[in-house]
């Protein structure tokens, strides 16, 4: 079993589209997909709505998606099923409490043929066989989790092409010597990236045997 993790510097830069694109491009890998969302203060993990709860069952929620029509559910986990995932989970926790969800996540990983996870922070709890990070040099927002794990990325996926000035600044500078792929909407995938992922997953499977 191989684990692919897709992270990115901030929200709304194509991570979900990339995950769905890889699932669709490599259906033979029989993906189990995970969307991990960490909510901030005052937001309930159960439904993503404002809540006064501070502990108890509302700190973690993990649900397996059963509906493969994202237009009906509005969820990224349904989008992953629609792309061809065998199973799909949405993991919600409070910010900084992902560790509490890891026993269930590990249980589902153990039952998977191959797994693809949309998250940065998961890299703090497991070592994926492939870690891809999506960067957009036109966007100044950079999550702390994305910056913290950038060194561990196996490849950098650019939305647009970075100018030379971007590579003079942290954390961009740490991305310059990694394999580079340049992505375009709407799929955010291409043949070169798909081949890269397939080869890494195949290598992991060979080691596992």
N, C-alpha and C. Protein backbone atom coordinates (compact mmCIF):
# COMPACT_ATOMS: atom_id res chain seq x y z
N UNK A 1 0.85 -1.20 0.00
CA UNK A 1 0.00 0.00 0.00
C UNK A 1 0.88 1.24 0.00
N UNK A 2 0.55 2.19 -0.84
CA UNK A 2 1.27 3.46 -0.92
C UNK A 2 0.35 4.59 -0.47
N UNK A 3 0.97 5.62 0.11
CA UNK A 3 0.24 6.79 0.56
C UNK A 3 0.75 8.01 -0.21
N UNK A 4 -0.16 8.71 -0.85
CA UNK A 4 0.15 9.96 -1.54
C UNK A 4 -0.52 11.09 -0.77
N UNK A 5 0.22 12.12 -0.46
CA UNK A 5 -0.32 13.29 0.24
C UNK A 5 -0.20 14.50 -0.67
N UNK A 6 -1.29 15.25 -0.76
CA UNK A 6 -1.31 16.49 -1.53
C UNK A 6 -1.56 17.65 -0.57
N UNK A 7 -0.58 18.52 -0.46
CA UNK A 7 -0.71 19.72 0.36
C UNK A 7 -0.60 20.95 -0.51
N UNK A 8 -0.57 22.10 0.13
CA UNK A 8 -0.45 23.33 -0.63
C UNK A 8 -0.30 24.52 0.28
N UNK A 9 0.14 25.63 -0.30
CA UNK A 9 0.51 26.78 0.52
C UNK A 9 -0.69 27.47 1.16
N UNK A 10 -1.87 27.34 0.55
CA UNK A 10 -3.04 28.02 1.10
C UNK A 10 -4.30 27.37 0.55
N UNK A 11 -5.44 27.97 0.82
CA UNK A 11 -6.71 27.44 0.35
C UNK A 11 -6.97 27.87 -1.10
N UNK A 12 -7.84 27.10 -1.73
CA UNK A 12 -8.38 27.48 -3.05
C UNK A 12 -7.31 27.68 -4.12
N UNK A 13 -6.34 26.78 -4.15
CA UNK A 13 -5.34 26.85 -5.23
C UNK A 13 -5.29 25.56 -6.04
N UNK A 14 -6.31 24.70 -5.90
CA UNK A 14 -6.41 23.54 -6.77
C UNK A 14 -6.06 22.20 -6.15
N UNK A 15 -5.88 22.13 -4.83
CA UNK A 15 -5.50 20.86 -4.21
C UNK A 15 -6.56 19.79 -4.43
N UNK A 16 -7.82 20.15 -4.21
CA UNK A 16 -8.90 19.17 -4.37
C UNK A 16 -9.02 18.73 -5.82
N UNK A 17 -8.89 19.66 -6.75
CA UNK A 17 -8.94 19.31 -8.17
C UNK A 17 -7.78 18.39 -8.53
N UNK A 18 -6.63 18.63 -7.95
CA UNK A 18 -5.46 17.78 -8.20
C UNK A 18 -5.71 16.37 -7.70
N UNK A 19 -6.22 16.24 -6.47
CA UNK A 19 -6.51 14.91 -5.92
C UNK A 19 -7.50 14.18 -6.82
N UNK A 20 -8.59 14.86 -7.18
CA UNK A 20 -9.59 14.24 -8.06
C UNK A 20 -8.98 13.87 -9.40
N UNK A 21 -8.11 14.71 -9.93
CA UNK A 21 -7.47 14.43 -11.20
C UNK A 21 -6.58 13.20 -11.16
N UNK A 22 -5.83 13.04 -10.08
CA UNK A 22 -4.96 11.87 -9.95
C UNK A 22 -5.77 10.60 -9.76
N UNK A 23 -6.86 10.69 -9.00
CA UNK A 23 -7.74 9.53 -8.83
C UNK A 23 -8.28 9.08 -10.18
N UNK A 24 -8.74 10.05 -10.98
CA UNK A 24 -9.31 9.73 -12.28
C UNK A 24 -8.26 9.21 -13.26
N UNK A 25 -7.04 9.72 -13.17
CA UNK A 25 -5.98 9.34 -14.10
C UNK A 25 -5.40 7.97 -13.78
N UNK A 26 -5.50 7.54 -12.51
CA UNK A 26 -4.90 6.28 -12.08
C UNK A 26 -5.91 5.40 -11.35
N UNK A 27 -7.02 5.04 -12.01
CA UNK A 27 -8.07 4.27 -11.33
C UNK A 27 -7.62 2.88 -10.92
N UNK A 28 -6.62 2.33 -11.61
CA UNK A 28 -6.14 0.99 -11.29
C UNK A 28 -5.51 0.90 -9.91
N UNK A 29 -5.19 2.05 -9.31
CA UNK A 29 -4.58 2.05 -7.98
C UNK A 29 -5.61 1.93 -6.85
N UNK A 30 -6.89 1.93 -7.20
CA UNK A 30 -7.96 1.65 -6.23
C UNK A 30 -7.83 2.52 -4.98
N UNK A 31 -7.90 3.81 -5.18
CA UNK A 31 -7.64 4.79 -4.13
C UNK A 31 -8.70 4.78 -3.02
N UNK A 32 -8.24 4.93 -1.80
CA UNK A 32 -9.06 5.42 -0.71
C UNK A 32 -8.64 6.86 -0.49
N UNK A 33 -9.59 7.78 -0.54
CA UNK A 33 -9.28 9.21 -0.48
C UNK A 33 -9.68 9.79 0.88
N UNK A 34 -8.89 10.75 1.33
CA UNK A 34 -9.16 11.44 2.59
C UNK A 34 -9.08 12.94 2.38
N UNK A 35 -10.08 13.64 2.84
CA UNK A 35 -10.05 15.11 2.91
C UNK A 35 -9.94 15.45 4.39
N UNK A 36 -8.90 16.18 4.78
CA UNK A 36 -8.72 16.55 6.18
C UNK A 36 -8.92 18.05 6.33
N UNK A 37 -9.85 18.41 7.21
CA UNK A 37 -10.16 19.82 7.46
C UNK A 37 -9.97 20.09 8.95
N UNK A 38 -9.21 21.14 9.26
CA UNK A 38 -9.05 21.56 10.65
C UNK A 38 -9.72 22.92 10.82
N UNK A 39 -10.73 22.95 11.69
CA UNK A 39 -11.50 24.16 11.90
C UNK A 39 -10.90 25.00 13.02
N UNK A 40 -11.07 26.30 12.91
CA UNK A 40 -10.59 27.22 13.91
C UNK A 40 -11.51 27.33 15.11
N UNK A 41 -11.18 28.23 16.02
CA UNK A 41 -11.94 28.42 17.24
C UNK A 41 -13.38 28.80 16.93
N UNK A 42 -14.31 28.18 17.68
CA UNK A 42 -15.71 28.52 17.55
C UNK A 42 -16.43 27.85 16.41
N UNK A 43 -15.76 26.93 15.71
CA UNK A 43 -16.39 26.20 14.61
C UNK A 43 -16.47 24.73 14.99
N UNK A 44 -17.62 24.13 14.82
CA UNK A 44 -17.84 22.74 15.21
C UNK A 44 -17.27 21.80 14.16
N UNK A 45 -16.54 20.78 14.61
CA UNK A 45 -15.98 19.80 13.68
C UNK A 45 -17.04 18.91 13.07
N UNK A 46 -18.17 18.78 13.75
CA UNK A 46 -19.22 17.89 13.25
C UNK A 46 -19.82 18.38 11.95
N UNK A 47 -20.08 19.71 11.87
CA UNK A 47 -20.75 20.20 10.67
C UNK A 47 -20.16 21.48 10.09
N UNK A 48 -19.05 21.96 10.67
CA UNK A 48 -18.39 23.14 10.14
C UNK A 48 -19.12 24.43 10.39
N UNK A 49 -20.05 24.43 11.35
CA UNK A 49 -20.83 25.62 11.65
C UNK A 49 -20.41 26.20 13.00
N UNK A 50 -20.72 27.49 13.24
CA UNK A 50 -20.38 28.09 14.54
C UNK A 50 -20.96 27.29 15.69
N UNK A 51 -20.15 27.12 16.74
CA UNK A 51 -20.56 26.28 17.87
C UNK A 51 -19.82 26.74 19.12
N UNK A 52 -20.47 26.62 20.26
CA UNK A 52 -19.86 27.02 21.52
C UNK A 52 -19.12 25.88 22.20
N UNK A 53 -19.18 24.67 21.63
CA UNK A 53 -18.55 23.52 22.27
C UNK A 53 -17.03 23.68 22.26
N UNK A 54 -16.39 23.23 23.29
CA UNK A 54 -14.94 23.32 23.37
C UNK A 54 -14.28 21.96 23.56
N UNK A 55 -15.06 20.93 23.87
CA UNK A 55 -14.48 19.61 24.05
C UNK A 55 -15.54 18.56 23.76
N UNK A 56 -15.25 17.31 24.12
CA UNK A 56 -16.24 16.27 23.90
C UNK A 56 -16.29 15.84 22.44
N UNK A 57 -17.42 15.26 22.02
CA UNK A 57 -17.50 14.64 20.70
C UNK A 57 -17.42 15.62 19.53
N UNK A 58 -17.56 16.92 19.81
CA UNK A 58 -17.53 17.88 18.71
C UNK A 58 -16.13 18.24 18.24
N UNK A 59 -15.11 17.73 18.91
CA UNK A 59 -13.75 18.08 18.52
C UNK A 59 -13.27 17.29 17.31
N UNK A 60 -13.88 16.13 17.05
CA UNK A 60 -13.47 15.27 15.94
C UNK A 60 -14.70 14.71 15.26
N UNK A 61 -14.70 14.67 13.95
CA UNK A 61 -15.76 13.99 13.21
C UNK A 61 -15.13 13.36 11.97
N UNK A 62 -15.42 12.08 11.77
CA UNK A 62 -14.91 11.35 10.61
C UNK A 62 -16.08 10.63 9.96
N UNK A 63 -16.31 10.93 8.72
CA UNK A 63 -17.44 10.30 8.04
C UNK A 63 -16.99 9.71 6.71
N UNK A 64 -17.53 8.54 6.39
CA UNK A 64 -17.28 7.94 5.09
C UNK A 64 -18.36 8.43 4.13
N UNK A 65 -17.93 8.94 2.99
CA UNK A 65 -18.85 9.46 2.00
C UNK A 65 -19.57 8.32 1.29
N UNK A 66 -20.88 8.45 1.15
CA UNK A 66 -21.68 7.44 0.45
C UNK A 66 -22.26 7.98 -0.85
N UNK A 67 -22.27 9.29 -0.99
CA UNK A 67 -22.88 9.95 -2.15
C UNK A 67 -21.80 10.37 -3.12
N UNK A 68 -21.94 9.97 -4.38
CA UNK A 68 -20.90 10.29 -5.36
C UNK A 68 -21.28 11.46 -6.26
N UNK A 69 -22.27 12.24 -5.84
CA UNK A 69 -22.67 13.43 -6.59
C UNK A 69 -22.31 14.68 -5.79
N UNK A 70 -21.17 15.31 -6.10
CA UNK A 70 -20.76 16.49 -5.31
C UNK A 70 -21.71 17.66 -5.43
N UNK A 71 -22.50 17.72 -6.51
CA UNK A 71 -23.46 18.81 -6.66
C UNK A 71 -24.58 18.67 -5.63
N UNK A 72 -24.85 17.45 -5.22
CA UNK A 72 -25.89 17.21 -4.21
C UNK A 72 -25.36 17.48 -2.81
N UNK A 73 -24.16 16.99 -2.52
CA UNK A 73 -23.62 17.08 -1.16
C UNK A 73 -22.81 18.35 -0.92
N UNK A 74 -22.17 18.86 -1.95
CA UNK A 74 -21.29 19.99 -1.79
C UNK A 74 -19.98 19.64 -1.11
N UNK A 75 -19.65 18.37 -1.02
CA UNK A 75 -18.45 17.94 -0.30
C UNK A 75 -17.35 17.50 -1.26
N UNK A 76 -16.11 17.74 -0.84
CA UNK A 76 -14.98 17.29 -1.64
C UNK A 76 -14.86 15.77 -1.59
N UNK A 77 -15.28 15.16 -0.49
CA UNK A 77 -15.22 13.70 -0.40
C UNK A 77 -16.12 13.05 -1.44
N UNK A 78 -17.27 13.65 -1.75
CA UNK A 78 -18.13 13.15 -2.82
C UNK A 78 -17.45 13.36 -4.17
N UNK A 79 -16.75 14.42 -4.30
CA UNK A 79 -16.01 14.69 -5.55
C UNK A 79 -14.97 13.61 -5.79
N UNK A 80 -14.33 13.14 -4.74
CA UNK A 80 -13.33 12.09 -4.88
C UNK A 80 -13.98 10.77 -5.32
N UNK A 81 -15.15 10.46 -4.75
CA UNK A 81 -15.88 9.27 -5.19
C UNK A 81 -16.27 9.39 -6.66
N UNK A 82 -16.74 10.56 -7.05
CA UNK A 82 -17.15 10.78 -8.44
C UNK A 82 -15.96 10.60 -9.39
N UNK A 83 -14.77 10.92 -8.92
CA UNK A 83 -13.57 10.78 -9.75
C UNK A 83 -13.12 9.33 -9.90
N UNK A 84 -13.64 8.44 -9.00
CA UNK A 84 -13.30 7.03 -9.11
C UNK A 84 -12.69 6.40 -7.89
N UNK A 85 -12.63 7.12 -6.77
CA UNK A 85 -12.10 6.53 -5.55
C UNK A 85 -12.98 5.36 -5.10
N UNK A 86 -12.35 4.33 -4.55
CA UNK A 86 -13.08 3.17 -4.04
C UNK A 86 -13.83 3.54 -2.77
N UNK A 87 -13.17 4.31 -1.91
CA UNK A 87 -13.77 4.82 -0.67
C UNK A 87 -13.29 6.25 -0.47
N UNK A 88 -14.05 7.02 0.31
CA UNK A 88 -13.68 8.41 0.53
C UNK A 88 -14.14 8.84 1.92
N UNK A 89 -13.26 9.55 2.64
CA UNK A 89 -13.54 9.97 4.00
C UNK A 89 -13.31 11.48 4.14
N UNK A 90 -14.14 12.09 4.98
CA UNK A 90 -13.93 13.48 5.36
C UNK A 90 -13.61 13.50 6.84
N UNK A 91 -12.40 13.95 7.17
CA UNK A 91 -11.92 14.00 8.55
C UNK A 91 -11.92 15.46 9.00
N UNK A 92 -12.68 15.76 10.07
CA UNK A 92 -12.75 17.12 10.60
C UNK A 92 -12.28 17.13 12.04
N UNK A 93 -11.39 18.05 12.35
CA UNK A 93 -10.92 18.21 13.72
C UNK A 93 -10.78 19.69 14.04
N UNK A 94 -10.63 19.98 15.32
CA UNK A 94 -10.25 21.33 15.72
C UNK A 94 -8.81 21.58 15.29
N UNK A 95 -8.48 22.83 15.08
CA UNK A 95 -7.11 23.20 14.72
C UNK A 95 -6.15 22.67 15.77
N UNK A 96 -5.13 21.94 15.32
CA UNK A 96 -4.12 21.42 16.24
C UNK A 96 -4.49 20.10 16.91
N UNK A 97 -5.64 19.51 16.55
CA UNK A 97 -6.06 18.27 17.22
C UNK A 97 -6.14 17.09 16.25
N UNK A 98 -5.40 17.15 15.18
CA UNK A 98 -5.41 16.05 14.23
C UNK A 98 -4.91 14.76 14.86
N UNK A 99 -4.03 14.86 15.82
CA UNK A 99 -3.50 13.66 16.48
C UNK A 99 -4.62 12.78 17.04
N UNK A 100 -5.70 13.40 17.51
CA UNK A 100 -6.80 12.64 18.10
C UNK A 100 -7.54 11.82 17.06
N UNK A 101 -7.46 12.23 15.81
CA UNK A 101 -8.15 11.50 14.73
C UNK A 101 -7.27 10.42 14.10
N UNK A 102 -5.97 10.41 14.42
CA UNK A 102 -5.06 9.52 13.72
C UNK A 102 -5.32 8.03 13.94
N UNK A 103 -5.76 7.58 15.12
CA UNK A 103 -6.04 6.14 15.24
C UNK A 103 -7.06 5.65 14.22
N UNK A 104 -8.14 6.42 14.01
CA UNK A 104 -9.14 6.02 13.01
C UNK A 104 -8.57 6.13 11.60
N UNK A 105 -7.82 7.19 11.34
CA UNK A 105 -7.22 7.35 10.02
C UNK A 105 -6.28 6.19 9.71
N UNK A 106 -5.46 5.81 10.68
CA UNK A 106 -4.52 4.70 10.47
C UNK A 106 -5.27 3.38 10.23
N UNK A 107 -6.38 3.20 10.92
CA UNK A 107 -7.18 1.99 10.73
C UNK A 107 -7.69 1.90 9.30
N UNK A 108 -8.18 3.02 8.77
CA UNK A 108 -8.69 3.02 7.40
C UNK A 108 -7.55 2.90 6.39
N UNK A 109 -6.40 3.47 6.70
CA UNK A 109 -5.25 3.31 5.82
C UNK A 109 -4.83 1.85 5.72
N UNK A 110 -4.86 1.15 6.84
CA UNK A 110 -4.44 -0.25 6.87
C UNK A 110 -5.34 -1.12 5.99
N UNK A 111 -6.58 -0.69 5.81
CA UNK A 111 -7.53 -1.46 5.01
C UNK A 111 -7.55 -1.03 3.54
N UNK A 112 -6.67 -0.12 3.15
CA UNK A 112 -6.69 0.46 1.82
C UNK A 112 -5.69 -0.22 0.89
N UNK A 113 -6.00 -0.23 -0.40
CA UNK A 113 -5.03 -0.67 -1.41
C UNK A 113 -3.98 0.40 -1.60
N UNK A 114 -4.42 1.62 -1.87
CA UNK A 114 -3.57 2.81 -1.92
C UNK A 114 -4.40 3.97 -1.40
N UNK A 115 -3.74 4.97 -0.83
CA UNK A 115 -4.46 6.09 -0.24
C UNK A 115 -3.93 7.40 -0.77
N UNK A 116 -4.84 8.37 -0.92
CA UNK A 116 -4.46 9.72 -1.30
C UNK A 116 -5.13 10.67 -0.32
N UNK A 117 -4.36 11.59 0.26
CA UNK A 117 -4.82 12.42 1.36
C UNK A 117 -4.59 13.88 1.02
N UNK A 118 -5.62 14.69 1.14
CA UNK A 118 -5.47 16.14 0.97
C UNK A 118 -5.23 16.77 2.33
N UNK A 119 -4.00 17.17 2.59
CA UNK A 119 -3.64 17.74 3.89
C UNK A 119 -2.17 18.12 3.86
N UNK A 120 -1.79 19.14 4.64
CA UNK A 120 -0.39 19.38 4.95
C UNK A 120 -0.01 18.73 6.26
N UNK A 121 -0.85 18.93 7.27
CA UNK A 121 -0.51 18.55 8.64
C UNK A 121 -0.34 17.06 8.84
N UNK A 122 -0.95 16.24 7.97
CA UNK A 122 -0.84 14.79 8.12
C UNK A 122 0.61 14.34 8.02
N UNK A 123 1.46 15.15 7.37
CA UNK A 123 2.87 14.80 7.21
C UNK A 123 3.58 14.80 8.57
N UNK A 124 3.00 15.45 9.55
CA UNK A 124 3.56 15.43 10.89
C UNK A 124 3.30 14.13 11.63
N UNK A 125 2.47 13.26 11.05
CA UNK A 125 2.09 12.02 11.73
C UNK A 125 2.44 10.76 10.96
N UNK A 126 2.74 10.89 9.68
CA UNK A 126 3.15 9.74 8.90
C UNK A 126 4.05 10.21 7.76
N UNK A 127 4.83 9.27 7.23
CA UNK A 127 5.71 9.60 6.11
C UNK A 127 5.09 9.02 4.84
N UNK A 128 4.54 9.88 3.99
CA UNK A 128 3.94 9.37 2.76
C UNK A 128 5.00 8.87 1.78
N UNK A 129 4.57 8.04 0.86
CA UNK A 129 5.46 7.58 -0.20
C UNK A 129 5.65 8.68 -1.24
N UNK A 130 4.66 9.53 -1.38
CA UNK A 130 4.75 10.69 -2.27
C UNK A 130 4.07 11.87 -1.58
N UNK A 131 4.80 12.97 -1.44
CA UNK A 131 4.23 14.19 -0.89
C UNK A 131 4.36 15.29 -1.93
N UNK A 132 3.23 15.77 -2.42
CA UNK A 132 3.18 16.82 -3.42
C UNK A 132 2.66 18.10 -2.78
N UNK A 133 3.28 19.22 -3.08
CA UNK A 133 2.80 20.48 -2.53
C UNK A 133 2.53 21.47 -3.66
N UNK A 134 1.37 22.11 -3.59
CA UNK A 134 0.94 23.05 -4.63
C UNK A 134 1.29 24.47 -4.19
N UNK A 135 1.99 25.20 -5.05
CA UNK A 135 2.41 26.56 -4.75
C UNK A 135 1.92 27.52 -5.84
N UNK A 136 1.59 28.72 -5.41
CA UNK A 136 1.14 29.75 -6.34
C UNK A 136 1.93 31.02 -6.06
N UNK A 137 2.90 31.36 -6.89
CA UNK A 137 3.75 32.53 -6.62
C UNK A 137 3.00 33.85 -6.66
N UNK A 138 1.77 33.84 -7.21
CA UNK A 138 0.98 35.08 -7.25
C UNK A 138 0.18 35.28 -5.97
N UNK A 139 0.21 34.30 -5.08
CA UNK A 139 -0.56 34.37 -3.84
C UNK A 139 0.42 34.51 -2.67
N UNK A 140 0.30 35.56 -1.90
CA UNK A 140 1.24 35.81 -0.81
C UNK A 140 0.93 35.02 0.45
N UNK A 141 -0.28 34.46 0.54
CA UNK A 141 -0.65 33.69 1.72
C UNK A 141 0.11 32.37 1.73
N UNK A 142 0.70 32.01 2.88
CA UNK A 142 1.45 30.76 2.97
C UNK A 142 1.20 30.16 4.35
N UNK A 143 0.47 29.05 4.39
CA UNK A 143 0.16 28.38 5.64
C UNK A 143 1.44 27.98 6.37
N UNK A 144 1.39 28.07 7.69
CA UNK A 144 2.54 27.64 8.48
C UNK A 144 2.83 26.16 8.26
N UNK A 145 1.77 25.34 8.14
CA UNK A 145 1.97 23.91 7.95
C UNK A 145 2.63 23.62 6.61
N UNK A 146 2.25 24.37 5.58
CA UNK A 146 2.85 24.17 4.26
C UNK A 146 4.33 24.53 4.27
N UNK A 147 4.66 25.64 4.94
CA UNK A 147 6.06 26.05 5.03
C UNK A 147 6.88 25.05 5.85
N UNK A 148 6.28 24.53 6.91
CA UNK A 148 7.00 23.62 7.81
C UNK A 148 7.39 22.33 7.12
N UNK A 149 6.55 21.85 6.22
CA UNK A 149 6.80 20.54 5.59
C UNK A 149 7.29 20.65 4.16
N UNK A 150 7.59 21.84 3.70
CA UNK A 150 8.03 22.01 2.32
C UNK A 150 9.31 21.23 2.03
N UNK A 151 10.20 21.16 3.00
CA UNK A 151 11.45 20.43 2.80
C UNK A 151 11.20 18.96 2.49
N UNK A 152 10.10 18.41 2.98
CA UNK A 152 9.82 16.98 2.81
C UNK A 152 9.12 16.67 1.49
N UNK A 153 8.71 17.69 0.75
CA UNK A 153 7.98 17.46 -0.49
C UNK A 153 8.84 16.71 -1.51
N UNK A 154 8.22 15.77 -2.20
CA UNK A 154 8.91 15.04 -3.26
C UNK A 154 8.86 15.79 -4.59
N UNK A 155 7.89 16.69 -4.72
CA UNK A 155 7.78 17.49 -5.93
C UNK A 155 6.98 18.73 -5.62
N UNK A 156 7.24 19.78 -6.39
CA UNK A 156 6.54 21.04 -6.26
C UNK A 156 5.67 21.24 -7.49
N UNK A 157 4.41 21.58 -7.26
CA UNK A 157 3.46 21.76 -8.34
C UNK A 157 3.06 23.23 -8.38
N UNK A 158 3.43 23.91 -9.45
CA UNK A 158 3.21 25.34 -9.55
C UNK A 158 1.92 25.65 -10.28
N UNK A 159 1.17 26.58 -9.73
CA UNK A 159 0.05 27.19 -10.44
C UNK A 159 0.61 28.46 -11.07
N UNK A 160 0.81 28.43 -12.38
CA UNK A 160 1.54 29.52 -13.00
C UNK A 160 3.04 29.29 -12.86
N UNK A 161 3.81 30.08 -13.53
CA UNK A 161 5.27 29.90 -13.51
C UNK A 161 5.93 30.97 -12.65
N UNK A 162 6.74 30.54 -11.68
CA UNK A 162 7.37 31.51 -10.79
C UNK A 162 8.47 32.30 -11.48
N UNK A 163 8.52 33.58 -11.22
CA UNK A 163 9.62 34.39 -11.72
C UNK A 163 10.85 34.19 -10.84
N UNK A 164 11.98 34.64 -11.31
CA UNK A 164 13.22 34.45 -10.56
C UNK A 164 13.18 35.13 -9.21
N UNK A 165 12.41 36.22 -9.09
CA UNK A 165 12.35 36.94 -7.82
C UNK A 165 11.74 36.08 -6.72
N UNK A 166 10.78 35.21 -7.09
CA UNK A 166 10.13 34.38 -6.08
C UNK A 166 11.12 33.47 -5.38
N UNK A 167 12.12 33.00 -6.12
CA UNK A 167 13.07 32.06 -5.55
C UNK A 167 14.09 32.73 -4.61
N UNK A 168 14.05 34.03 -4.50
CA UNK A 168 14.97 34.72 -3.59
C UNK A 168 14.38 34.84 -2.19
N UNK A 169 13.11 34.48 -2.04
CA UNK A 169 12.43 34.66 -0.76
C UNK A 169 12.10 33.32 -0.13
N UNK A 170 12.12 33.30 1.20
CA UNK A 170 11.62 32.14 1.93
C UNK A 170 10.10 32.21 1.96
N UNK A 171 9.37 31.07 1.90
CA UNK A 171 9.90 29.71 1.77
C UNK A 171 10.08 29.23 0.34
N UNK A 172 9.84 30.12 -0.64
CA UNK A 172 9.96 29.70 -2.04
C UNK A 172 11.33 29.12 -2.36
N UNK A 173 12.34 29.69 -1.73
CA UNK A 173 13.71 29.30 -2.03
C UNK A 173 13.94 27.80 -1.82
N UNK A 174 13.25 27.24 -0.83
CA UNK A 174 13.43 25.83 -0.52
C UNK A 174 12.80 24.91 -1.56
N UNK A 175 12.03 25.46 -2.50
CA UNK A 175 11.36 24.65 -3.50
C UNK A 175 12.14 24.54 -4.80
N UNK A 176 13.17 25.30 -4.96
CA UNK A 176 13.77 25.46 -6.29
C UNK A 176 14.50 24.21 -6.77
N UNK A 177 15.01 23.37 -5.87
CA UNK A 177 15.79 22.21 -6.29
C UNK A 177 15.00 20.91 -6.33
N UNK A 178 13.70 20.99 -6.15
CA UNK A 178 12.85 19.81 -6.19
C UNK A 178 12.28 19.61 -7.59
N UNK A 179 11.84 18.38 -7.93
CA UNK A 179 11.15 18.20 -9.21
C UNK A 179 9.99 19.18 -9.35
N UNK A 180 9.84 19.76 -10.52
CA UNK A 180 8.86 20.81 -10.74
C UNK A 180 7.84 20.38 -11.78
N UNK A 181 6.57 20.67 -11.49
CA UNK A 181 5.50 20.44 -12.46
C UNK A 181 4.66 21.71 -12.52
N UNK A 182 4.18 22.03 -13.71
CA UNK A 182 3.41 23.26 -13.91
C UNK A 182 1.99 22.88 -14.31
N UNK A 183 1.03 23.30 -13.51
CA UNK A 183 -0.35 22.85 -13.63
C UNK A 183 -1.27 23.95 -14.13
N UNK A 184 -2.31 23.53 -14.81
CA UNK A 184 -3.31 24.46 -15.31
C UNK A 184 -4.70 23.94 -14.96
N UNK A 185 -5.63 24.86 -14.65
CA UNK A 185 -7.01 24.43 -14.43
C UNK A 185 -7.63 23.97 -15.75
N UNK A 186 -8.68 23.15 -15.73
CA UNK A 186 -9.43 22.78 -14.53
C UNK A 186 -8.94 21.51 -13.84
N UNK A 187 -8.13 20.69 -14.52
CA UNK A 187 -7.78 19.39 -13.94
C UNK A 187 -6.60 19.46 -12.99
N UNK A 188 -5.71 20.42 -13.20
CA UNK A 188 -4.50 20.57 -12.40
C UNK A 188 -3.62 19.32 -12.43
N UNK A 189 -3.77 18.51 -13.47
CA UNK A 189 -2.91 17.34 -13.64
C UNK A 189 -2.41 17.32 -15.07
N UNK A 190 -1.35 16.56 -15.30
CA UNK A 190 -0.86 16.36 -16.66
C UNK A 190 -0.16 15.00 -16.72
N UNK A 191 0.21 14.60 -17.92
CA UNK A 191 0.77 13.26 -18.11
C UNK A 191 2.08 13.07 -17.35
N UNK A 192 2.91 14.11 -17.30
CA UNK A 192 4.20 13.99 -16.62
C UNK A 192 4.01 13.77 -15.12
N UNK A 193 3.09 14.51 -14.53
CA UNK A 193 2.84 14.35 -13.10
C UNK A 193 2.22 12.99 -12.81
N UNK A 194 1.29 12.57 -13.63
CA UNK A 194 0.66 11.26 -13.44
C UNK A 194 1.70 10.15 -13.49
N UNK A 195 2.61 10.24 -14.43
CA UNK A 195 3.67 9.25 -14.54
C UNK A 195 4.57 9.27 -13.30
N UNK A 196 4.90 10.46 -12.83
CA UNK A 196 5.74 10.60 -11.64
C UNK A 196 5.10 9.90 -10.44
N UNK A 197 3.81 10.14 -10.24
CA UNK A 197 3.10 9.54 -9.10
C UNK A 197 3.01 8.03 -9.28
N UNK A 198 2.68 7.57 -10.49
CA UNK A 198 2.56 6.13 -10.74
C UNK A 198 3.88 5.41 -10.47
N UNK A 199 4.98 6.02 -10.88
CA UNK A 199 6.28 5.40 -10.66
C UNK A 199 6.63 5.32 -9.19
N UNK A 200 6.33 6.39 -8.44
CA UNK A 200 6.62 6.39 -7.01
C UNK A 200 5.74 5.37 -6.27
N UNK A 201 4.48 5.29 -6.65
CA UNK A 201 3.59 4.31 -6.02
C UNK A 201 4.04 2.89 -6.36
N UNK A 202 4.44 2.67 -7.61
CA UNK A 202 4.93 1.36 -8.00
C UNK A 202 6.19 0.97 -7.24
N UNK A 203 7.05 1.95 -7.02
CA UNK A 203 8.28 1.69 -6.26
C UNK A 203 7.96 1.31 -4.82
N UNK A 204 7.00 2.00 -4.24
CA UNK A 204 6.59 1.70 -2.86
C UNK A 204 6.00 0.30 -2.77
N UNK A 205 5.19 -0.07 -3.78
CA UNK A 205 4.59 -1.40 -3.78
C UNK A 205 5.65 -2.49 -3.89
N UNK A 206 6.69 -2.24 -4.70
CA UNK A 206 7.76 -3.22 -4.86
C UNK A 206 8.53 -3.41 -3.56
N UNK A 207 8.78 -2.33 -2.85
CA UNK A 207 9.46 -2.42 -1.56
C UNK A 207 8.60 -3.18 -0.56
N UNK A 208 7.27 -2.92 -0.61
CA UNK A 208 6.36 -3.58 0.31
C UNK A 208 6.31 -5.08 0.12
N UNK A 209 6.44 -5.54 -1.15
CA UNK A 209 6.44 -6.96 -1.41
C UNK A 209 7.72 -7.61 -0.89
